Amino acid sequence: MRSGSSDDAQARLLETALQLFASLGYDSTTTDMLADAAGVSHETVQKGRGAGPACTTRSWSMPTTS
């Protein structure tokens, strides 16, 4: 069962995406791989991110600290 807040899911997705892109390459990373590795649904990966070979990190911003 998948749980957690939306912010937690986004943080897991970003961290997981960076790890997978670094190890497998952007073009080889699928949304299913990302969802499984981050522990979120495929729909969560797609929601608000658009489609593509994986997900696009261009729509994600890194959190900043003040």
PDB file of N, CA and C in Angstrom:
ATOM      1  N   MET A   1       0.836  -1.170   0.000  1.00  0.00           N
ATOM      2  CA  MET A   1       0.000   0.000   0.000  1.00  0.00           C
ATOM      3  C   MET A   1       0.884   1.237   0.000  1.00  0.00           C
ATOM      4  N   ARG A   2       0.510   2.211  -0.774  1.00  0.00           N
ATOM      5  CA  ARG A   2       1.293   3.417  -0.895  1.00  0.00           C
ATOM      6  C   ARG A   2       0.656   4.511  -0.075  1.00  0.00           C
ATOM      7  N   SER A   3       1.475   5.215   0.665  1.00  0.00           N
ATOM      8  CA  SER A   3       0.934   6.273   1.501  1.00  0.00           C
ATOM      9  C   SER A   3       1.923   7.422   1.555  1.00  0.00           C
ATOM     10  N   GLY A   4       1.508   8.504   2.200  1.00  0.00           N
ATOM     11  CA  GLY A   4       2.362   9.657   2.348  1.00  0.00           C
ATOM     12  C   GLY A   4       1.725  10.870   1.716  1.00  0.00           C
ATOM     13  N   SER A   5       2.264  12.015   2.058  1.00  0.00           N
ATOM     14  CA  SER A   5       1.723  13.254   1.527  1.00  0.00           C
ATOM     15  C   SER A   5       2.188  13.480   0.099  1.00  0.00           C
ATOM     16  N   SER A   6       1.524  14.404  -0.552  1.00  0.00           N
ATOM     17  CA  SER A   6       1.885  14.775  -1.910  1.00  0.00           C
ATOM     18  C   SER A   6       3.311  15.311  -1.968  1.00  0.00           C
ATOM     19  N   ASP A   7       3.692  16.105  -0.954  1.00  0.00           N
ATOM     20  CA  ASP A   7       5.051  16.637  -0.909  1.00  0.00           C
ATOM     21  C   ASP A   7       6.073  15.526  -0.733  1.00  0.00           C
ATOM     22  N   ASP A   8       5.745  14.532   0.103  1.00  0.00           N
ATOM     23  CA  ASP A   8       6.639  13.388   0.289  1.00  0.00           C
ATOM     24  C   ASP A   8       6.802  12.619  -1.012  1.00  0.00           C
ATOM     25  N   ALA A   9       5.689  12.407  -1.716  1.00  0.00           N
ATOM     26  CA  ALA A   9       5.731  11.668  -2.976  1.00  0.00           C
ATOM     27  C   ALA A   9       6.571  12.419  -3.998  1.00  0.00           C
ATOM     28  N   GLN A  10       6.413  13.733  -4.077  1.00  0.00           N
ATOM     29  CA  GLN A  10       7.193  14.522  -5.031  1.00  0.00           C
ATOM     30  C   GLN A  10       8.675  14.457  -4.707  1.00  0.00           C
ATOM     31  N   ALA A  11       9.015  14.542  -3.434  1.00  0.00           N
ATOM     32  CA  ALA A  11      10.418  14.460  -3.025  1.00  0.00           C
ATOM     33  C   ALA A  11      11.004  13.090  -3.365  1.00  0.00           C
ATOM     34  N   ARG A  12      10.239  12.019  -3.109  1.00  0.00           N
ATOM     35  CA  ARG A  12      10.709  10.662  -3.449  1.00  0.00           C
ATOM     36  C   ARG A  12      10.881  10.524  -4.947  1.00  0.00           C
ATOM     37  N   LEU A  13       9.944  11.067  -5.711  1.00  0.00           N
ATOM     38  CA  LEU A  13      10.040  10.982  -7.168  1.00  0.00           C
ATOM     39  C   LEU A  13      11.278  11.692  -7.687  1.00  0.00           C
ATOM     40  N   LEU A  14      11.531  12.878  -7.195  1.00  0.00           N
ATOM     41  CA  LEU A  14      12.689  13.631  -7.661  1.00  0.00           C
ATOM     42  C   LEU A  14      13.982  12.907  -7.321  1.00  0.00           C
ATOM     43  N   GLU A  15      14.106  12.467  -6.082  1.00  0.00           N
ATOM     44  CA  GLU A  15      15.318  11.750  -5.677  1.00  0.00           C
ATOM     45  C   GLU A  15      15.498  10.467  -6.493  1.00  0.00           C
ATOM     46  N   THR A  16      14.414   9.729  -6.655  1.00  0.00           N
ATOM     47  CA  THR A  16      14.470   8.472  -7.399  1.00  0.00           C
ATOM     48  C   THR A  16      14.779   8.721  -8.870  1.00  0.00           C
ATOM     49  N   ALA A  17      14.160   9.746  -9.447  1.00  0.00           N
ATOM     50  CA  ALA A  17      14.414  10.073 -10.858  1.00  0.00           C
ATOM     51  C   ALA A  17      15.883  10.389 -11.076  1.00  0.00           C
ATOM     52  N   LEU A  18      16.450  11.187 -10.214  1.00  0.00           N
ATOM     53  CA  LEU A  18      17.864  11.535 -10.362  1.00  0.00           C
ATOM     54  C   LEU A  18      18.757  10.307 -10.275  1.00  0.00           C
ATOM     55  N   GLN A  19      18.428   9.400  -9.350  1.00  0.00           N
ATOM     56  CA  GLN A  19      19.218   8.171  -9.211  1.00  0.00           C
ATOM     57  C   GLN A  19      19.100   7.288 -10.452  1.00  0.00           C
ATOM     58  N   LEU A  20      17.858   7.114 -10.927  1.00  0.00           N
ATOM     59  CA  LEU A  20      17.654   6.266 -12.103  1.00  0.00           C
ATOM     60  C   LEU A  20      18.262   6.881 -13.359  1.00  0.00           C
ATOM     61  N   PHE A  21      18.101   8.190 -13.530  1.00  0.00           N
ATOM     62  CA  PHE A  21      18.691   8.848 -14.699  1.00  0.00           C
ATOM     63  C   PHE A  21      20.203   8.719 -14.681  1.00  0.00           C
ATOM     64  N   ALA A  22      20.799   8.831 -13.495  1.00  0.00           N
ATOM     65  CA  ALA A  22      22.252   8.717 -13.383  1.00  0.00           C
ATOM     66  C   ALA A  22      22.734   7.302 -13.688  1.00  0.00           C
ATOM     67  N   SER A  23      21.967   6.309 -13.250  1.00  0.00           N
ATOM     68  CA  SER A  23      22.428   4.929 -13.443  1.00  0.00           C
ATOM     69  C   SER A  23      22.010   4.323 -14.779  1.00  0.00           C
ATOM     70  N   LEU A  24      20.813   4.661 -15.248  1.00  0.00           N
ATOM     71  CA  LEU A  24      20.300   4.049 -16.472  1.00  0.00           C
ATOM     72  C   LEU A  24      20.266   4.988 -17.670  1.00  0.00           C
ATOM     73  N   GLY A  25      20.282   6.276 -17.403  1.00  0.00           N
ATOM     74  CA  GLY A  25      20.115   7.268 -18.460  1.00  0.00           C
ATOM     75  C   GLY A  25      18.659   7.671 -18.572  1.00  0.00           C
ATOM     76  N   TYR A  26      18.429   8.898 -18.987  1.00  0.00           N
ATOM     77  CA  TYR A  26      17.072   9.428 -19.092  1.00  0.00           C
ATOM     78  C   TYR A  26      16.204   8.597 -20.037  1.00  0.00           C
ATOM     79  N   ASP A  27      16.715   8.317 -21.221  1.00  0.00           N
ATOM     80  CA  ASP A  27      15.930   7.609 -22.235  1.00  0.00           C
ATOM     81  C   ASP A  27      15.603   6.168 -21.856  1.00  0.00           C
ATOM     82  N   SER A  28      16.381   5.580 -20.978  1.00  0.00           N
ATOM     83  CA  SER A  28      16.140   4.191 -20.574  1.00  0.00           C
ATOM     84  C   SER A  28      15.262   4.061 -19.342  1.00  0.00           C
ATOM     85  N   THR A  29      14.944   5.176 -18.709  1.00  0.00           N
ATOM     86  CA  THR A  29      14.136   5.155 -17.492  1.00  0.00           C
ATOM     87  C   THR A  29      12.671   5.337 -17.863  1.00  0.00           C
ATOM     88  N   THR A  30      11.854   4.356 -17.501  1.00  0.00           N
ATOM     89  CA  THR A  30      10.426   4.439 -17.816  1.00  0.00           C
ATOM     90  C   THR A  30       9.650   4.965 -16.614  1.00  0.00           C
ATOM     91  N   THR A  31       8.448   5.445 -16.874  1.00  0.00           N
ATOM     92  CA  THR A  31       7.608   5.915 -15.780  1.00  0.00           C
ATOM     93  C   THR A  31       7.258   4.772 -14.844  1.00  0.00           C
ATOM     94  N   ASP A  32       7.081   3.571 -15.366  1.00  0.00           N
ATOM     95  CA  ASP A  32       6.805   2.423 -14.502  1.00  0.00           C
ATOM     96  C   ASP A  32       7.982   2.134 -13.576  1.00  0.00           C
ATOM     97  N   MET A  33       9.198   2.187 -14.105  1.00  0.00           N
ATOM     98  CA  MET A  33      10.387   1.991 -13.271  1.00  0.00           C
ATOM     99  C   MET A  33      10.440   3.037 -12.168  1.00  0.00           C
ATOM    100  N   LEU A  34      10.185   4.279 -12.538  1.00  0.00           N
ATOM    101  CA  LEU A  34      10.230   5.369 -11.582  1.00  0.00           C
ATOM    102  C   LEU A  34       9.166   5.213 -10.503  1.00  0.00           C
ATOM    103  N   ALA A  35       7.949   4.892 -10.910  1.00  0.00           N
ATOM    104  CA  ALA A  35       6.859   4.707  -9.949  1.00  0.00           C
ATOM    105  C   ALA A  35       7.179   3.575  -8.983  1.00  0.00           C
ATOM    106  N   ASP A  36       7.625   2.443  -9.518  1.00  0.00           N
ATOM    107  CA  ASP A  36       7.949   1.297  -8.669  1.00  0.00           C
ATOM    108  C   ASP A  36       9.073   1.627  -7.688  1.00  0.00           C
ATOM    109  N   ALA A  37      10.138   2.242  -8.189  1.00  0.00           N
ATOM    110  CA  ALA A  37      11.285   2.545  -7.340  1.00  0.00           C
ATOM    111  C   ALA A  37      10.952   3.588  -6.276  1.00  0.00           C
ATOM    112  N   ALA A  38      10.064   4.530  -6.596  1.00  0.00           N
ATOM    113  CA  ALA A  38       9.700   5.585  -5.643  1.00  0.00           C
ATOM    114  C   ALA A  38       8.560   5.172  -4.728  1.00  0.00           C
ATOM    115  N   GLY A  39       7.900   4.047  -5.044  1.00  0.00           N
ATOM    116  CA  GLY A  39       6.803   3.578  -4.209  1.00  0.00           C
ATOM    117  C   GLY A  39       5.531   4.393  -4.372  1.00  0.00           C
ATOM    118  N   VAL A  40       5.315   4.884  -5.592  1.00  0.00           N
ATOM    119  CA  VAL A  40       4.100   5.647  -5.886  1.00  0.00           C
ATOM    120  C   VAL A  40       3.416   5.025  -7.095  1.00  0.00           C
ATOM    121  N   SER A  41       2.194   5.459  -7.352  1.00  0.00           N
ATOM    122  CA  SER A  41       1.470   4.934  -8.510  1.00  0.00           C
ATOM    123  C   SER A  41       1.972   5.572  -9.800  1.00  0.00           C
ATOM    124  N   HIS A  42       1.742   4.877 -10.899  1.00  0.00           N
ATOM    125  CA  HIS A  42       2.081   5.404 -12.221  1.00  0.00           C
ATOM    126  C   HIS A  42       1.355   6.733 -12.441  1.00  0.00           C
ATOM    127  N   GLU A  43       0.124   6.808 -11.972  1.00  0.00           N
ATOM    128  CA  GLU A  43      -0.673   8.025 -12.135  1.00  0.00           C
ATOM    129  C   GLU A  43      -0.035   9.205 -11.403  1.00  0.00           C
ATOM    130  N   THR A  44       0.576   8.936 -10.257  1.00  0.00           N
ATOM    131  CA  THR A  44       1.241   9.998  -9.514  1.00  0.00           C
ATOM    132  C   THR A  44       2.409  10.564 -10.311  1.00  0.00           C
ATOM    133  N   VAL A  45       3.135   9.694 -10.993  1.00  0.00           N
ATOM    134  CA  VAL A  45       4.253  10.150 -11.820  1.00  0.00           C
ATOM    135  C   VAL A  45       3.728  11.018 -12.961  1.00  0.00           C
ATOM    136  N   GLN A  46       2.658  10.594 -13.588  1.00  0.00           N
ATOM    137  CA  GLN A  46       2.120  11.316 -14.737  1.00  0.00           C
ATOM    138  C   GLN A  46       1.390  12.596 -14.358  1.00  0.00           C
ATOM    139  N   LYS A  47       0.766  12.597 -13.208  1.00  0.00           N
ATOM    140  CA  LYS A  47      -0.071  13.719 -12.789  1.00  0.00           C
ATOM    141  C   LYS A  47       0.735  15.012 -12.731  1.00  0.00           C
ATOM    142  N   GLY A  48       0.376  15.933 -13.565  1.00  0.00           N
ATOM    143  CA  GLY A  48       1.027  17.229 -13.566  1.00  0.00           C
ATOM    144  C   GLY A  48       2.426  17.243 -14.140  1.00  0.00           C
ATOM    145  N   ARG A  49       2.905  16.120 -14.633  1.00  0.00           N
ATOM    146  CA  ARG A  49       4.271  16.057 -15.158  1.00  0.00           C
ATOM    147  C   ARG A  49       4.306  15.854 -16.666  1.00  0.00           C
ATOM    148  N   GLY A  50       3.208  15.401 -17.241  1.00  0.00           N
ATOM    149  CA  GLY A  50       3.191  15.130 -18.671  1.00  0.00           C
ATOM    150  C   GLY A  50       3.770  13.771 -18.976  1.00  0.00           C
ATOM    151  N   ALA A  51       3.685  13.377 -20.197  1.00  0.00           N
ATOM    152  CA  ALA A  51       4.188  12.081 -20.632  1.00  0.00           C
ATOM    153  C   ALA A  51       5.558  12.265 -21.263  1.00  0.00           C
ATOM    154  N   GLY A  52       6.206  11.190 -21.528  1.00  0.00           N
ATOM    155  CA  GLY A  52       7.521  11.228 -22.150  1.00  0.00           C
ATOM    156  C   GLY A  52       8.197   9.903 -21.904  1.00  0.00           C
ATOM    157  N   PRO A  53       9.453   9.777 -22.282  1.00  0.00           N
ATOM    158  CA  PRO A  53      10.153   8.519 -22.061  1.00  0.00           C
ATOM    159  C   PRO A  53      10.212   8.158 -20.585  1.00  0.00           C
ATOM    160  N   ALA A  54      10.158   9.117 -19.752  1.00  0.00           N
ATOM    161  CA  ALA A  54      10.081   8.857 -18.298  1.00  0.00           C
ATOM    162  C   ALA A  54       9.210   9.960 -17.741  1.00  0.00           C
ATOM    163  N   CYS A  55       9.749  10.827 -17.003  1.00  0.00           N
ATOM    164  CA  CYS A  55       9.052  12.035 -16.580  1.00  0.00           C
ATOM    165  C   CYS A  55      10.032  13.161 -16.817  1.00  0.00           C
ATOM    166  N   THR A  56       9.547  14.336 -16.878  1.00  0.00           N
ATOM    167  CA  THR A  56      10.476  15.428 -17.130  1.00  0.00           C
ATOM    168  C   THR A  56      10.746  16.194 -15.862  1.00  0.00           C
ATOM    169  N   THR A  57      11.995  16.308 -15.515  1.00  0.00           N
ATOM    170  CA  THR A  57      12.348  17.030 -14.301  1.00  0.00           C
ATOM    171  C   THR A  57      12.290  18.532 -14.526  1.00  0.00           C
ATOM    172  N   ARG A  58      12.083  18.948 -15.767  1.00  0.00           N
ATOM    173  CA  ARG A  58      11.966  20.383 -16.020  1.00  0.00           C
ATOM    174  C   ARG A  58      10.781  20.982 -15.269  1.00  0.00           C
ATOM    175  N   SER A  59       9.740  20.197 -15.037  1.00  0.00           N
ATOM    176  CA  SER A  59       8.563  20.728 -14.341  1.00  0.00           C
ATOM    177  C   SER A  59       8.702  20.663 -12.829  1.00  0.00           C
ATOM    178  N   TRP A  60       9.787  20.055 -12.346  1.00  0.00           N
ATOM    179  CA  TRP A  60      10.036  19.980 -10.913  1.00  0.00           C
ATOM    180  C   TRP A  60      11.061  21.036 -10.546  1.00  0.00           C
ATOM    181  N   SER A  61      10.856  21.637  -9.432  1.00  0.00           N
ATOM    182  CA  SER A  61      11.864  22.562  -8.951  1.00  0.00           C
ATOM    183  C   SER A  61      12.457  21.988  -7.664  1.00  0.00           C
ATOM    184  N   MET A  62      13.720  22.192  -7.518  1.00  0.00           N
ATOM    185  CA  MET A  62      14.386  21.735  -6.305  1.00  0.00           C
ATOM    186  C   MET A  62      13.946  22.636  -5.169  1.00  0.00           C
ATOM    187  N   PRO A  63      13.646  22.054  -4.018  1.00  0.00           N
ATOM    188  CA  PRO A  63      13.286  22.888  -2.884  1.00  0.00           C
ATOM    189  C   PRO A  63      14.460  23.776  -2.478  1.00  0.00           C
ATOM    190  N   THR A  64      14.148  24.981  -2.085  1.00  0.00           N
ATOM    191  CA  THR A  64      15.188  25.882  -1.633  1.00  0.00           C
ATOM    192  C   THR A  64      15.038  26.110  -0.139  1.00  0.00           C
ATOM    193  N   THR A  65      16.116  26.433   0.482  1.00  0.00           N
ATOM    194  CA  THR A  65      16.061  26.733   1.900  1.00  0.00           C
ATOM    195  C   THR A  65      16.269  28.225   2.078  1.00  0.00           C
ATOM    196  N   SER A  66      15.560  28.769   3.030  1.00  0.00           N
ATOM    197  CA  SER A  66      15.669  30.209   3.278  1.00  0.00           C
ATOM    198  C   SER A  66      16.500  30.473   4.501  1.00  0.00           C
TER     199      SER A  66
END
